[in-house]
Amino acid sequence: MKPLVQVEPGARIALGISFFVLFFLVWAAATLGGFVSKTFLADPITMVRSGWDLLANQGFAYDIGMTVWRVLGGFAIAAVLAVPLGVLMGAYKPVEAFFEPFVSFARYLPASAFIPLLILWAGIGEAQKLAVIFIGSFFQLVLMIAVSVGNTRRDLVEAAYTLGAGDRGIVTRVLLPSSAPEIAETLRMVLGWAWTYVIVAELIGASSGIGHMITDSQALLATDQIIFGIIVIGLIGLASDFAFKALNRKLFPWARL
């Protein structure tokens, strides 16, 4: 193996699948072999059976749909507001100087710490859960997008000025096209973080969602259901990640994504 040498697509898929196969083999050996008590860790076969029961008989598909809706809703609101603000901060230094101290301060605040306040302000309905995802995503997006725009190559900006571009043209025809692939990659990364926030929001004061199911399963010591819920989150996240990557490659074929 040589550093930074690309792997062929077929080999990349095979290597990725092989890790999952190895992981499940180790898990099965540890649980079915009696090395770990099933009270603490259910075996893969029991987990699959419980997952099927959840989907077929206990309405877990509705919980999955609610969680996906909350993630996409909260993340979309954060992205719609964060992208233009981040572009402005990256393009105009006075705007950056005005907003960056607060954004840098706010992005270190854990979104979960706001849950008691959000329950007081918005109750335990959907607004509270969307707000948790928004708080957890918005400030991260703003700062990362501002950095991406601000890192645009200076020679491109100077060349555009030389060719007669105005200040607005620099933003729309140089800064945005140059940083768009990185902005798209930032959105993909922060979408993954949004999943952690929605589960935290659903652990408290929720009557539906994957996090709600996990909380109920914890009370019953149903580790098989807890593991199935975690795996479902991972599978949905993996699918959305691949979809984001494919879309980014299609939109920005000149970038290495």
Protein backbone atom coordinates (compact mmCIF):
# COMPACT_ATOMS: atom_id res chain seq x y z
CA MET A 1 0.00 0.00 0.00
CA LYS A 2 1.20 3.49 -0.89
CA PRO A 3 0.00 6.63 0.92
CA LEU A 4 -2.82 8.59 -0.77
CA VAL A 5 -3.11 6.13 -3.67
CA GLN A 6 -6.73 5.74 -4.75
CA VAL A 7 -8.45 2.36 -4.42
CA GLU A 8 -10.42 0.92 -7.32
CA PRO A 9 -14.21 1.21 -6.82
CA GLY A 10 -14.72 -2.56 -6.79
CA ALA A 11 -11.93 -3.11 -4.25
CA ARG A 12 -13.26 -0.26 -2.12
CA ILE A 13 -16.71 -1.85 -1.94
CA ALA A 14 -15.22 -5.27 -1.16
CA LEU A 15 -13.07 -3.87 1.64
CA GLY A 16 -16.00 -1.98 3.14
CA ILE A 17 -18.26 -5.04 3.09
CA SER A 18 -15.53 -7.26 4.51
CA PHE A 19 -15.28 -5.09 7.62
CA PHE A 20 -19.02 -5.44 8.29
CA VAL A 21 -18.78 -9.21 7.78
CA LEU A 22 -15.87 -9.42 10.21
CA PHE A 23 -17.68 -7.25 12.73
CA PHE A 24 -20.79 -9.44 12.70
CA LEU A 25 -18.70 -12.62 12.91
CA VAL A 26 -16.93 -11.34 16.03
CA TRP A 27 -20.24 -10.21 17.50
CA ALA A 28 -21.85 -13.61 16.81
CA ALA A 29 -18.88 -15.49 18.26
CA ALA A 30 -18.91 -13.39 21.44
CA THR A 31 -22.66 -13.72 22.07
CA LEU A 32 -23.58 -17.14 20.66
CA GLY A 33 -20.41 -18.62 22.12
CA GLY A 34 -21.46 -17.57 25.60
CA PHE A 35 -18.58 -15.17 26.19
CA VAL A 36 -20.97 -12.25 26.77
CA SER A 37 -24.29 -12.44 28.61
CA LYS A 38 -27.30 -11.82 26.37
CA THR A 39 -28.66 -9.55 29.10
CA PHE A 40 -25.93 -7.07 28.23
CA LEU A 41 -25.55 -7.81 24.51
CA ALA A 42 -28.07 -9.65 22.36
CA ASP A 43 -26.82 -11.92 19.58
CA PRO A 44 -27.32 -10.99 15.91
CA ILE A 45 -30.04 -13.62 15.31
CA THR A 46 -32.17 -12.41 18.23
CA MET A 47 -31.61 -8.83 17.13
CA VAL A 48 -32.85 -9.54 13.61
CA ARG A 49 -35.94 -11.35 14.91
CA SER A 50 -36.76 -8.52 17.30
CA GLY A 51 -36.23 -5.98 14.53
CA TRP A 52 -38.67 -7.79 12.28
CA ASP A 53 -41.22 -7.89 15.10
CA LEU A 54 -40.76 -4.15 15.66
CA LEU A 55 -41.35 -3.41 11.97
CA ALA A 56 -44.18 -5.90 11.40
CA ASN A 57 -46.15 -5.68 14.64
CA GLN A 58 -45.12 -2.63 16.69
CA GLY A 59 -45.24 0.22 14.18
CA PHE A 60 -41.51 0.91 14.19
CA ALA A 61 -41.67 2.05 10.56
CA TYR A 62 -43.68 5.06 11.76
CA ASP A 63 -41.00 5.82 14.37
CA ILE A 64 -38.34 5.69 11.66
CA GLY A 65 -40.35 8.04 9.46
CA MET A 66 -40.80 10.54 12.28
CA THR A 67 -37.10 10.56 13.11
CA VAL A 68 -36.11 11.04 9.46
CA TRP A 69 -38.61 13.89 9.13
CA ARG A 70 -37.21 15.60 12.22
CA VAL A 71 -33.62 15.30 11.03
CA LEU A 72 -34.35 16.60 7.55
CA GLY A 73 -36.63 19.37 8.84
CA GLY A 74 -34.26 20.72 11.47
CA PHE A 75 -31.23 20.37 9.22
CA ALA A 76 -32.95 22.06 6.28
CA ILE A 77 -33.89 25.08 8.41
CA ALA A 78 -30.32 25.32 9.70
CA ALA A 79 -28.83 25.01 6.20
CA VAL A 80 -31.14 27.61 4.63
CA LEU A 81 -30.03 30.18 7.21
CA ALA A 82 -26.42 29.09 7.68
CA VAL A 83 -25.30 28.95 4.04
CA PRO A 84 -25.93 32.63 3.17
CA LEU A 85 -24.59 33.83 6.52
CA GLY A 86 -21.48 31.68 6.16
CA VAL A 87 -20.89 32.97 2.62
CA LEU A 88 -21.21 36.57 3.80
CA MET A 89 -18.81 35.96 6.68
CA GLY A 90 -16.28 34.32 4.39
CA ALA A 91 -16.53 37.00 1.72
CA TYR A 92 -16.69 40.16 3.84
CA LYS A 93 -14.30 40.53 6.75
CA PRO A 94 -16.37 43.15 8.64
CA VAL A 95 -19.31 40.72 8.65
CA GLU A 96 -16.97 37.99 9.87
CA ALA A 97 -15.60 40.24 12.62
CA PHE A 98 -19.15 41.01 13.78
CA PHE A 99 -20.54 37.45 13.85
CA GLU A 100 -17.56 35.14 14.40
CA PRO A 101 -17.02 35.68 18.14
CA PHE A 102 -20.61 34.76 18.95
CA VAL A 103 -20.75 31.89 16.44
CA SER A 104 -17.49 30.49 17.81
CA PHE A 105 -18.88 30.78 21.33
CA ALA A 106 -22.23 29.20 20.46
CA ARG A 107 -20.85 26.23 18.56
CA TYR A 108 -19.23 24.92 21.75
CA LEU A 109 -22.55 24.88 23.60
CA PRO A 110 -23.99 21.33 23.63
CA ALA A 111 -27.40 21.22 22.00
CA SER A 112 -28.61 18.74 24.61
CA ALA A 113 -28.10 21.36 27.33
CA PHE A 114 -30.85 23.47 25.74
CA ILE A 115 -33.47 20.72 25.97
CA PRO A 116 -34.86 21.79 29.41
CA LEU A 117 -35.19 25.39 28.19
CA LEU A 118 -36.68 24.35 24.87
CA ILE A 119 -39.27 22.20 26.64
CA LEU A 120 -40.23 25.26 28.71
CA TRP A 121 -40.38 27.49 25.64
CA ALA A 122 -41.85 25.13 23.02
CA GLY A 123 -43.25 22.18 24.97
CA ILE A 124 -42.48 18.58 24.03
CA GLY A 125 -43.85 18.77 20.50
CA GLU A 126 -42.08 18.82 17.17
CA ALA A 127 -40.87 22.41 17.54
CA GLN A 128 -38.64 21.44 20.47
CA LYS A 129 -37.02 18.58 18.56
CA LEU A 130 -36.47 20.67 15.44
CA ALA A 131 -34.94 23.39 17.60
CA VAL A 132 -32.43 20.96 19.13
CA ILE A 133 -31.29 19.86 15.66
CA PHE A 134 -31.16 23.47 14.50
CA ILE A 135 -28.99 24.57 17.43
CA GLY A 136 -26.68 21.62 16.99
CA SER A 137 -26.23 22.17 13.24
CA PHE A 138 -26.54 25.89 12.55
CA PHE A 139 -23.44 27.28 14.26
CA GLN A 140 -21.21 24.46 13.02
CA LEU A 141 -22.40 25.06 9.45
CA VAL A 142 -21.90 28.82 9.59
CA LEU A 143 -18.30 28.66 10.74
CA MET A 144 -17.26 25.82 8.43
CA ILE A 145 -18.85 27.48 5.39
CA ALA A 146 -17.21 30.80 6.24
CA VAL A 147 -13.82 29.08 6.39
CA SER A 148 -14.44 27.37 3.04
CA VAL A 149 -15.35 30.64 1.32
CA GLY A 150 -12.51 32.53 2.98
CA ASN A 151 -9.96 29.96 1.76
CA THR A 152 -10.65 30.72 -1.90
CA ARG A 153 -7.41 31.11 -3.84
CA ARG A 154 -6.34 34.76 -3.91
CA ASP A 155 -4.94 34.49 -7.44
CA LEU A 156 -8.44 33.69 -8.73
CA VAL A 157 -9.84 36.78 -7.01
CA GLU A 158 -7.05 39.00 -8.33
CA ALA A 159 -7.47 37.62 -11.84
CA ALA A 160 -11.20 38.36 -11.73
CA TYR A 161 -10.53 41.95 -10.63
CA THR A 162 -8.00 42.32 -13.43
CA LEU A 163 -10.62 41.18 -15.93
CA GLY A 164 -13.04 43.83 -14.70
CA ALA A 165 -15.23 41.96 -12.21
CA GLY A 166 -16.94 44.02 -9.52
CA ASP A 167 -17.27 43.16 -5.84
CA ARG A 168 -20.58 41.38 -6.34
CA GLY A 169 -19.20 39.50 -9.33
CA ILE A 170 -16.28 38.29 -7.22
CA VAL A 171 -18.74 36.68 -4.79
CA THR A 172 -21.09 35.17 -7.37
CA ARG A 173 -18.59 34.17 -10.04
CA VAL A 174 -15.43 33.34 -8.08
CA LEU A 175 -16.01 32.72 -4.37
CA LEU A 176 -19.21 30.69 -4.67
CA PRO A 177 -18.15 28.42 -7.58
CA SER A 178 -14.76 27.83 -5.97
CA SER A 179 -16.10 26.97 -2.51
CA ALA A 180 -19.33 25.21 -3.57
CA PRO A 181 -17.83 21.68 -3.44
CA GLU A 182 -16.49 22.28 0.06
CA ILE A 183 -19.81 23.76 1.16
CA ALA A 184 -21.60 20.66 -0.14
CA GLU A 185 -19.13 18.45 1.72
CA THR A 186 -19.71 20.47 4.89
CA LEU A 187 -23.45 19.93 4.58
CA ARG A 188 -22.88 16.20 4.21
CA MET A 189 -20.73 16.03 7.33
CA VAL A 190 -23.02 18.11 9.53
CA LEU A 191 -26.05 16.08 8.43
CA GLY A 192 -24.38 13.14 10.16
CA TRP A 193 -24.08 15.17 13.35
CA ALA A 194 -27.77 16.07 13.13
CA TRP A 195 -28.62 12.40 13.70
CA THR A 196 -26.96 12.48 17.12
CA TYR A 197 -28.98 15.52 18.10
CA VAL A 198 -32.35 14.06 17.07
CA ILE A 199 -31.80 10.92 19.14
CA VAL A 200 -30.94 13.03 22.18
CA ALA A 201 -34.08 15.11 21.59
CA GLU A 202 -36.22 11.96 21.32
CA LEU A 203 -34.86 10.46 24.51
CA ILE A 204 -36.74 13.11 26.50
CA GLY A 205 -40.41 13.91 26.11
CA ALA A 206 -41.09 12.05 22.88
CA SER A 207 -43.95 9.69 22.05
CA SER A 208 -42.51 8.51 18.74
CA GLY A 209 -39.20 8.12 16.96
CA ILE A 210 -36.21 5.82 17.13
CA GLY A 211 -34.92 7.47 20.30
CA HIS A 212 -38.31 6.93 21.95
CA MET A 213 -38.17 3.22 21.06
CA ILE A 214 -34.65 2.94 22.45
CA THR A 215 -35.74 4.54 25.74
CA ASP A 216 -38.66 2.13 26.10
CA SER A 217 -36.40 -0.82 25.29
CA GLN A 218 -33.90 0.28 27.93
CA ALA A 219 -36.60 0.07 30.60
CA LEU A 220 -37.27 -3.53 29.51
CA LEU A 221 -33.56 -4.43 29.22
CA ALA A 222 -34.30 -5.33 25.59
CA THR A 223 -30.79 -4.99 24.23
CA ASP A 224 -31.87 -6.68 20.99
CA GLN A 225 -34.28 -3.84 20.22
CA ILE A 226 -31.79 -1.17 21.30
CA ILE A 227 -29.13 -2.60 18.98
CA PHE A 228 -31.61 -2.84 16.13
CA GLY A 229 -32.55 0.82 16.57
CA ILE A 230 -28.89 1.83 16.56
CA ILE A 231 -28.24 -0.21 13.42
CA VAL A 232 -31.23 1.35 11.66
CA ILE A 233 -29.83 4.81 12.42
CA GLY A 234 -26.47 3.76 11.01
CA LEU A 235 -28.02 2.29 7.85
CA ILE A 236 -30.12 5.38 7.17
CA GLY A 237 -27.12 7.60 7.80
CA LEU A 238 -24.96 5.49 5.49
CA ALA A 239 -27.57 5.64 2.74
CA SER A 240 -27.93 9.42 3.06
CA ASP A 241 -24.14 9.78 3.07
CA PHE A 242 -23.78 7.83 -0.17
CA ALA A 243 -26.64 9.80 -1.72
CA PHE A 244 -25.01 13.09 -0.71
CA LYS A 245 -21.67 11.99 -2.16
CA ALA A 246 -23.27 10.93 -5.46
CA LEU A 247 -25.15 14.21 -5.73
CA ASN A 248 -22.02 16.22 -4.96
CA ARG A 249 -20.03 14.37 -7.61
CA LYS A 250 -22.76 15.06 -10.14
CA LEU A 251 -23.07 18.75 -9.26
CA PHE A 252 -19.34 19.39 -8.95
CA PRO A 253 -17.52 17.00 -11.30
CA TRP A 254 -14.36 19.12 -11.18
CA ALA A 255 -13.88 18.58 -7.45
CA ARG A 256 -12.36 15.57 -5.70
CA LEU A 257 -15.12 14.43 -3.35
